[in-house]
Amino acid sequence: MKIDPVAIDAAVTKEALLVSLADGRELATPIDWFPRLLGATRAERENWHLTGRGEAIHWPDLGEDIEIASLLRTS
């Protein structure tokens, strides 16, 4: 049985999208890969929430959704 990766926390810095997973892994993906996050204000970057059980991160101010599984495929 395959278990999908689940995020428990996230942060956006000037350089990267940082995601902590429930299984203890931590992902760091270059912010350049996400133009909406790259051009966002600090407040917009900090206004996010997990969707589902943590399968994705949503930024309502930016209309941005990033699936955790897709981060793992590209990281």
PDB file of N, CA and C in Angstrom:
ATOM      1  N   MET A   1       0.842  -1.183   0.000  1.00  0.00           N
ATOM      2  CA  MET A   1       0.000   0.000   0.000  1.00  0.00           C
ATOM      3  C   MET A   1       0.889   1.248   0.000  1.00  0.00           C
ATOM      4  N   LYS A   2       0.705   2.080  -0.998  1.00  0.00           N
ATOM      5  CA  LYS A   2       1.485   3.311  -1.104  1.00  0.00           C
ATOM      6  C   LYS A   2       0.827   4.418  -0.286  1.00  0.00           C
ATOM      7  N   ILE A   3       1.630   5.119   0.505  1.00  0.00           N
ATOM      8  CA  ILE A   3       1.123   6.228   1.309  1.00  0.00           C
ATOM      9  C   ILE A   3       1.621   7.524   0.686  1.00  0.00           C
ATOM     10  N   ASP A   4       0.690   8.419   0.390  1.00  0.00           N
ATOM     11  CA  ASP A   4       1.068   9.700  -0.186  1.00  0.00           C
ATOM     12  C   ASP A   4       1.792  10.553   0.855  1.00  0.00           C
ATOM     13  N   PRO A   5       2.767  11.340   0.422  1.00  0.00           N
ATOM     14  CA  PRO A   5       3.480  12.227   1.345  1.00  0.00           C
ATOM     15  C   PRO A   5       2.546  13.295   1.902  1.00  0.00           C
ATOM     16  N   VAL A   6       2.746  13.621   3.164  1.00  0.00           N
ATOM     17  CA  VAL A   6       1.886  14.574   3.850  1.00  0.00           C
ATOM     18  C   VAL A   6       2.743  15.670   4.472  1.00  0.00           C
ATOM     19  N   ALA A   7       2.426  16.921   4.155  1.00  0.00           N
ATOM     20  CA  ALA A   7       3.125  18.063   4.738  1.00  0.00           C
ATOM     21  C   ALA A   7       2.534  18.398   6.102  1.00  0.00           C
ATOM     22  N   ILE A   8       3.397  18.867   6.991  1.00  0.00           N
ATOM     23  CA  ILE A   8       2.926  19.339   8.294  1.00  0.00           C
ATOM     24  C   ILE A   8       3.268  20.805   8.520  1.00  0.00           C
ATOM     25  N   ASP A   9       4.183  21.346   7.706  1.00  0.00           N
ATOM     26  CA  ASP A   9       4.562  22.751   7.846  1.00  0.00           C
ATOM     27  C   ASP A   9       5.213  23.220   6.557  1.00  0.00           C
ATOM     28  N   ALA A  10       5.184  24.525   6.348  1.00  0.00           N
ATOM     29  CA  ALA A  10       5.813  25.110   5.164  1.00  0.00           C
ATOM     30  C   ALA A  10       6.250  26.533   5.480  1.00  0.00           C
ATOM     31  N   ALA A  11       7.221  26.997   4.706  1.00  0.00           N
ATOM     32  CA  ALA A  11       7.689  28.379   4.811  1.00  0.00           C
ATOM     33  C   ALA A  11       8.269  28.771   3.462  1.00  0.00           C
ATOM     34  N   VAL A  12       8.182  30.050   3.176  1.00  0.00           N
ATOM     35  CA  VAL A  12       8.764  30.566   1.934  1.00  0.00           C
ATOM     36  C   VAL A  12       9.790  31.625   2.311  1.00  0.00           C
ATOM     37  N   THR A  13      11.029  31.416   1.869  1.00  0.00           N
ATOM     38  CA  THR A  13      12.083  32.397   2.079  1.00  0.00           C
ATOM     39  C   THR A  13      12.342  33.103   0.744  1.00  0.00           C
ATOM     40  N   LYS A  14      13.292  34.001   0.731  1.00  0.00           N
ATOM     41  CA  LYS A  14      13.645  34.670  -0.519  1.00  0.00           C
ATOM     42  C   LYS A  14      14.272  33.709  -1.517  1.00  0.00           C
ATOM     43  N   GLU A  15      14.797  32.580  -1.015  1.00  0.00           N
ATOM     44  CA  GLU A  15      15.494  31.621  -1.869  1.00  0.00           C
ATOM     45  C   GLU A  15      14.747  30.326  -2.138  1.00  0.00           C
ATOM     46  N   ALA A  16      13.848  29.897  -1.217  1.00  0.00           N
ATOM     47  CA  ALA A  16      13.292  28.551  -1.341  1.00  0.00           C
ATOM     48  C   ALA A  16      11.909  28.400  -0.719  1.00  0.00           C
ATOM     49  N   LEU A  17      11.204  27.377  -1.202  1.00  0.00           N
ATOM     50  CA  LEU A  17      10.001  26.873  -0.553  1.00  0.00           C
ATOM     51  C   LEU A  17      10.468  25.713   0.318  1.00  0.00           C
ATOM     52  N   LEU A  18      10.223  25.814   1.621  1.00  0.00           N
ATOM     53  CA  LEU A  18      10.644  24.796   2.572  1.00  0.00           C
ATOM     54  C   LEU A  18       9.414  24.063   3.077  1.00  0.00           C
ATOM     55  N   VAL A  19       9.446  22.736   3.005  1.00  0.00           N
ATOM     56  CA  VAL A  19       8.300  21.936   3.421  1.00  0.00           C
ATOM     57  C   VAL A  19       8.781  20.826   4.344  1.00  0.00           C
ATOM     58  N   SER A  20       8.126  20.699   5.497  1.00  0.00           N
ATOM     59  CA  SER A  20       8.392  19.600   6.434  1.00  0.00           C
ATOM     60  C   SER A  20       7.311  18.550   6.248  1.00  0.00           C
ATOM     61  N   LEU A  21       7.729  17.295   6.098  1.00  0.00           N
ATOM     62  CA  LEU A  21       6.793  16.196   5.904  1.00  0.00           C
ATOM     63  C   LEU A  21       6.581  15.427   7.200  1.00  0.00           C
ATOM     64  N   ALA A  22       5.437  14.769   7.295  1.00  0.00           N
ATOM     65  CA  ALA A  22       5.084  14.016   8.490  1.00  0.00           C
ATOM     66  C   ALA A  22       6.068  12.882   8.771  1.00  0.00           C
ATOM     67  N   ASP A  23       6.714  12.357   7.732  1.00  0.00           N
ATOM     68  CA  ASP A  23       7.655  11.249   7.923  1.00  0.00           C
ATOM     69  C   ASP A  23       9.058  11.710   8.308  1.00  0.00           C
ATOM     70  N   GLY A  24       9.229  13.010   8.549  1.00  0.00           N
ATOM     71  CA  GLY A  24      10.515  13.547   8.991  1.00  0.00           C
ATOM     72  C   GLY A  24      11.372  14.160   7.908  1.00  0.00           C
ATOM     73  N   ARG A  25      11.013  13.940   6.649  1.00  0.00           N
ATOM     74  CA  ARG A  25      11.795  14.542   5.564  1.00  0.00           C
ATOM     75  C   ARG A  25      11.512  16.036   5.488  1.00  0.00           C
ATOM     76  N   GLU A  26      12.511  16.754   4.978  1.00  0.00           N
ATOM     77  CA  GLU A  26      12.359  18.184   4.731  1.00  0.00           C
ATOM     78  C   GLU A  26      12.768  18.467   3.298  1.00  0.00           C
ATOM     79  N   LEU A  27      11.936  19.225   2.608  1.00  0.00           N
ATOM     80  CA  LEU A  27      12.196  19.569   1.215  1.00  0.00           C
ATOM     81  C   LEU A  27      12.539  21.044   1.110  1.00  0.00           C
ATOM     82  N   ALA A  28      13.486  21.352   0.242  1.00  0.00           N
ATOM     83  CA  ALA A  28      13.826  22.737  -0.086  1.00  0.00           C
ATOM     84  C   ALA A  28      13.849  22.825  -1.604  1.00  0.00           C
ATOM     85  N   THR A  29      12.960  23.632  -2.151  1.00  0.00           N
ATOM     86  CA  THR A  29      12.840  23.787  -3.592  1.00  0.00           C
ATOM     87  C   THR A  29      13.075  25.253  -3.944  1.00  0.00           C
ATOM     88  N   PRO A  30      13.884  25.536  -4.958  1.00  0.00           N
ATOM     89  CA  PRO A  30      14.172  26.935  -5.313  1.00  0.00           C
ATOM     90  C   PRO A  30      12.898  27.741  -5.580  1.00  0.00           C
ATOM     91  N   ILE A  31      12.838  28.921  -5.020  1.00  0.00           N
ATOM     92  CA  ILE A  31      11.671  29.798  -5.200  1.00  0.00           C
ATOM     93  C   ILE A  31      11.493  30.181  -6.667  1.00  0.00           C
ATOM     94  N   ASP A  32      12.569  30.169  -7.438  1.00  0.00           N
ATOM     95  CA  ASP A  32      12.488  30.503  -8.859  1.00  0.00           C
ATOM     96  C   ASP A  32      11.548  29.578  -9.626  1.00  0.00           C
ATOM     97  N   TRP A  33      11.304  28.391  -9.112  1.00  0.00           N
ATOM     98  CA  TRP A  33      10.412  27.428  -9.770  1.00  0.00           C
ATOM     99  C   TRP A  33       8.946  27.837  -9.659  1.00  0.00           C
ATOM    100  N   PHE A  34       8.637  28.806  -8.799  1.00  0.00           N
ATOM    101  CA  PHE A  34       7.256  29.200  -8.527  1.00  0.00           C
ATOM    102  C   PHE A  34       7.099  30.705  -8.732  1.00  0.00           C
ATOM    103  N   PRO A  35       6.852  31.150  -9.960  1.00  0.00           N
ATOM    104  CA  PRO A  35       6.796  32.588 -10.256  1.00  0.00           C
ATOM    105  C   PRO A  35       5.831  33.378  -9.371  1.00  0.00           C
ATOM    106  N   ARG A  36       4.701  32.792  -9.022  1.00  0.00           N
ATOM    107  CA  ARG A  36       3.742  33.521  -8.175  1.00  0.00           C
ATOM    108  C   ARG A  36       4.320  33.773  -6.789  1.00  0.00           C
ATOM    109  N   LEU A  37       5.010  32.780  -6.240  1.00  0.00           N
ATOM    110  CA  LEU A  37       5.645  32.972  -4.932  1.00  0.00           C
ATOM    111  C   LEU A  37       6.823  33.934  -5.032  1.00  0.00           C
ATOM    112  N   LEU A  38       7.562  33.836  -6.110  1.00  0.00           N
ATOM    113  CA  LEU A  38       8.723  34.700  -6.321  1.00  0.00           C
ATOM    114  C   LEU A  38       8.324  36.171  -6.328  1.00  0.00           C
ATOM    115  N   GLY A  39       7.218  36.495  -6.965  1.00  0.00           N
ATOM    116  CA  GLY A  39       6.772  37.881  -7.069  1.00  0.00           C
ATOM    117  C   GLY A  39       5.870  38.345  -5.942  1.00  0.00           C
ATOM    118  N   ALA A  40       5.604  37.479  -4.977  1.00  0.00           N
ATOM    119  CA  ALA A  40       4.664  37.802  -3.899  1.00  0.00           C
ATOM    120  C   ALA A  40       5.320  38.623  -2.799  1.00  0.00           C
ATOM    121  N   THR A  41       4.478  39.332  -2.063  1.00  0.00           N
ATOM    122  CA  THR A  41       4.947  40.042  -0.875  1.00  0.00           C
ATOM    123  C   THR A  41       5.156  39.038   0.256  1.00  0.00           C
ATOM    124  N   ARG A  42       5.834  39.476   1.275  1.00  0.00           N
ATOM    125  CA  ARG A  42       6.046  38.610   2.438  1.00  0.00           C
ATOM    126  C   ARG A  42       4.713  38.176   3.041  1.00  0.00           C
ATOM    127  N   ALA A  43       3.793  39.103   3.155  1.00  0.00           N
ATOM    128  CA  ALA A  43       2.475  38.785   3.722  1.00  0.00           C
ATOM    129  C   ALA A  43       1.745  37.746   2.873  1.00  0.00           C
ATOM    130  N   GLU A  44       1.814  37.886   1.561  1.00  0.00           N
ATOM    131  CA  GLU A  44       1.166  36.909   0.672  1.00  0.00           C
ATOM    132  C   GLU A  44       1.817  35.536   0.797  1.00  0.00           C
ATOM    133  N   ARG A  45       3.123  35.503   0.922  1.00  0.00           N
ATOM    134  CA  ARG A  45       3.839  34.230   1.064  1.00  0.00           C
ATOM    135  C   ARG A  45       3.509  33.540   2.383  1.00  0.00           C
ATOM    136  N   GLU A  46       3.291  34.327   3.418  1.00  0.00           N
ATOM    137  CA  GLU A  46       3.012  33.763   4.741  1.00  0.00           C
ATOM    138  C   GLU A  46       1.559  33.334   4.906  1.00  0.00           C
ATOM    139  N   ASN A  47       0.678  33.757   4.021  1.00  0.00           N
ATOM    140  CA  ASN A  47      -0.742  33.406   4.104  1.00  0.00           C
ATOM    141  C   ASN A  47      -0.990  32.139   3.290  1.00  0.00           C
ATOM    142  N   TRP A  48      -0.777  30.984   3.908  1.00  0.00           N
ATOM    143  CA  TRP A  48      -0.962  29.706   3.250  1.00  0.00           C
ATOM    144  C   TRP A  48      -1.667  28.754   4.209  1.00  0.00           C
ATOM    145  N   HIS A  49      -2.209  27.683   3.659  1.00  0.00           N
ATOM    146  CA  HIS A  49      -2.734  26.602   4.492  1.00  0.00           C
ATOM    147  C   HIS A  49      -2.604  25.282   3.739  1.00  0.00           C
ATOM    148  N   LEU A  50      -2.569  24.208   4.508  1.00  0.00           N
ATOM    149  CA  LEU A  50      -2.508  22.880   3.919  1.00  0.00           C
ATOM    150  C   LEU A  50      -3.902  22.471   3.481  1.00  0.00           C
ATOM    151  N   THR A  51      -3.981  21.756   2.385  1.00  0.00           N
ATOM    152  CA  THR A  51      -5.273  21.256   1.917  1.00  0.00           C
ATOM    153  C   THR A  51      -5.303  19.743   2.070  1.00  0.00           C
ATOM    154  N   GLY A  52      -6.519  19.220   2.180  1.00  0.00           N
ATOM    155  CA  GLY A  52      -6.673  17.792   2.423  1.00  0.00           C
ATOM    156  C   GLY A  52      -6.041  17.432   3.752  1.00  0.00           C
ATOM    157  N   ARG A  53      -5.319  16.335   3.775  1.00  0.00           N
ATOM    158  CA  ARG A  53      -4.599  15.898   4.977  1.00  0.00           C
ATOM    159  C   ARG A  53      -3.188  16.450   4.992  1.00  0.00           C
ATOM    160  N   GLY A  54      -2.876  17.348   4.076  1.00  0.00           N
ATOM    161  CA  GLY A  54      -1.531  17.887   3.932  1.00  0.00           C
ATOM    162  C   GLY A  54      -0.926  17.497   2.603  1.00  0.00           C
ATOM    163  N   GLU A  55      -1.785  17.118   1.651  1.00  0.00           N
ATOM    164  CA  GLU A  55      -1.311  16.713   0.329  1.00  0.00           C
ATOM    165  C   GLU A  55      -0.885  17.887  -0.545  1.00  0.00           C
ATOM    166  N   ALA A  56      -1.296  19.088  -0.174  1.00  0.00           N
ATOM    167  CA  ALA A  56      -0.955  20.271  -0.974  1.00  0.00           C
ATOM    168  C   ALA A  56      -0.911  21.500  -0.076  1.00  0.00           C
ATOM    169  N   ILE A  57      -0.285  22.549  -0.612  1.00  0.00           N
ATOM    170  CA  ILE A  57      -0.223  23.848   0.060  1.00  0.00           C
ATOM    171  C   ILE A  57      -0.957  24.841  -0.826  1.00  0.00           C
ATOM    172  N   HIS A  58      -1.801  25.668  -0.206  1.00  0.00           N
ATOM    173  CA  HIS A  58      -2.598  26.650  -0.949  1.00  0.00           C
ATOM    174  C   HIS A  58      -2.316  28.052  -0.415  1.00  0.00           C
ATOM    175  N   TRP A  59      -2.070  28.986  -1.339  1.00  0.00           N
ATOM    176  CA  TRP A  59      -1.904  30.406  -1.029  1.00  0.00           C
ATOM    177  C   TRP A  59      -3.108  31.129  -1.620  1.00  0.00           C
ATOM    178  N   PRO A  60      -4.124  31.449  -0.810  1.00  0.00           N
ATOM    179  CA  PRO A  60      -5.353  32.045  -1.342  1.00  0.00           C
ATOM    180  C   PRO A  60      -5.153  33.411  -1.995  1.00  0.00           C
ATOM    181  N   ASP A  61      -4.228  34.215  -1.500  1.00  0.00           N
ATOM    182  CA  ASP A  61      -3.999  35.534  -2.075  1.00  0.00           C
ATOM    183  C   ASP A  61      -3.361  35.459  -3.459  1.00  0.00           C
ATOM    184  N   LEU A  62      -2.708  34.335  -3.746  1.00  0.00           N
ATOM    185  CA  LEU A  62      -1.962  34.197  -4.996  1.00  0.00           C
ATOM    186  C   LEU A  62      -2.615  33.240  -5.981  1.00  0.00           C
ATOM    187  N   GLY A  63      -3.628  32.497  -5.532  1.00  0.00           N
ATOM    188  CA  GLY A  63      -4.226  31.489  -6.385  1.00  0.00           C
ATOM    189  C   GLY A  63      -3.236  30.382  -6.720  1.00  0.00           C
ATOM    190  N   GLU A  64      -2.343  30.090  -5.792  1.00  0.00           N
ATOM    191  CA  GLU A  64      -1.289  29.093  -6.012  1.00  0.00           C
ATOM    192  C   GLU A  64      -1.562  27.844  -5.183  1.00  0.00           C
ATOM    193  N   ASP A  65      -1.455  26.691  -5.834  1.00  0.00           N
ATOM    194  CA  ASP A  65      -1.579  25.397  -5.168  1.00  0.00           C
ATOM    195  C   ASP A  65      -0.397  24.540  -5.598  1.00  0.00           C
ATOM    196  N   ILE A  66       0.300  23.962  -4.624  1.00  0.00           N
ATOM    197  CA  ILE A  66       1.445  23.110  -4.928  1.00  0.00           C
ATOM    198  C   ILE A  66       1.233  21.777  -4.227  1.00  0.00           C
ATOM    199  N   GLU A  67       1.206  20.704  -5.029  1.00  0.00           N
ATOM    200  CA  GLU A  67       1.039  19.363  -4.483  1.00  0.00           C
ATOM    201  C   GLU A  67       2.378  18.842  -3.956  1.00  0.00           C
ATOM    202  N   ILE A  68       2.341  18.219  -2.799  1.00  0.00           N
ATOM    203  CA  ILE A  68       3.563  17.692  -2.190  1.00  0.00           C
ATOM    204  C   ILE A  68       4.171  16.588  -3.053  1.00  0.00           C
ATOM    205  N   ALA A  69       3.343  15.723  -3.598  1.00  0.00           N
ATOM    206  CA  ALA A  69       3.857  14.644  -4.456  1.00  0.00           C
ATOM    207  C   ALA A  69       4.624  15.203  -5.645  1.00  0.00           C
ATOM    208  N   SER A  70       4.157  16.325  -6.204  1.00  0.00           N
ATOM    209  CA  SER A  70       4.866  16.918  -7.345  1.00  0.00           C
ATOM    210  C   SER A  70       6.211  17.495  -6.918  1.00  0.00           C
ATOM    211  N   LEU A  71       6.312  18.011  -5.709  1.00  0.00           N
ATOM    212  CA  LEU A  71       7.596  18.495  -5.191  1.00  0.00           C
ATOM    213  C   LEU A  71       8.593  17.351  -5.086  1.00  0.00           C
ATOM    214  N   LEU A  72       8.136  16.213  -4.646  1.00  0.00           N
ATOM    215  CA  LEU A  72       9.021  15.065  -4.513  1.00  0.00           C
ATOM    216  C   LEU A  72       9.494  14.551  -5.875  1.00  0.00           C
ATOM    217  N   ARG A  73       8.644  14.648  -6.875  1.00  0.00           N
ATOM    218  CA  ARG A  73       9.028  14.201  -8.215  1.00  0.00           C
ATOM    219  C   ARG A  73      10.063  15.131  -8.837  1.00  0.00           C
ATOM    220  N   THR A  74      10.063  16.417  -8.468  1.00  0.00           N
ATOM    221  CA  THR A  74      10.938  17.379  -9.103  1.00  0.00           C
ATOM    222  C   THR A  74      12.143  17.758  -8.251  1.00  0.00           C
ATOM    223  N   SER A  75      12.119  17.427  -6.967  1.00  0.00           N
ATOM    224  CA  SER A  75      13.231  17.818  -6.090  1.00  0.00           C
ATOM    225  C   SER A  75      14.432  16.938  -6.289  1.00  0.00           C
TER     226      SER A  75
END
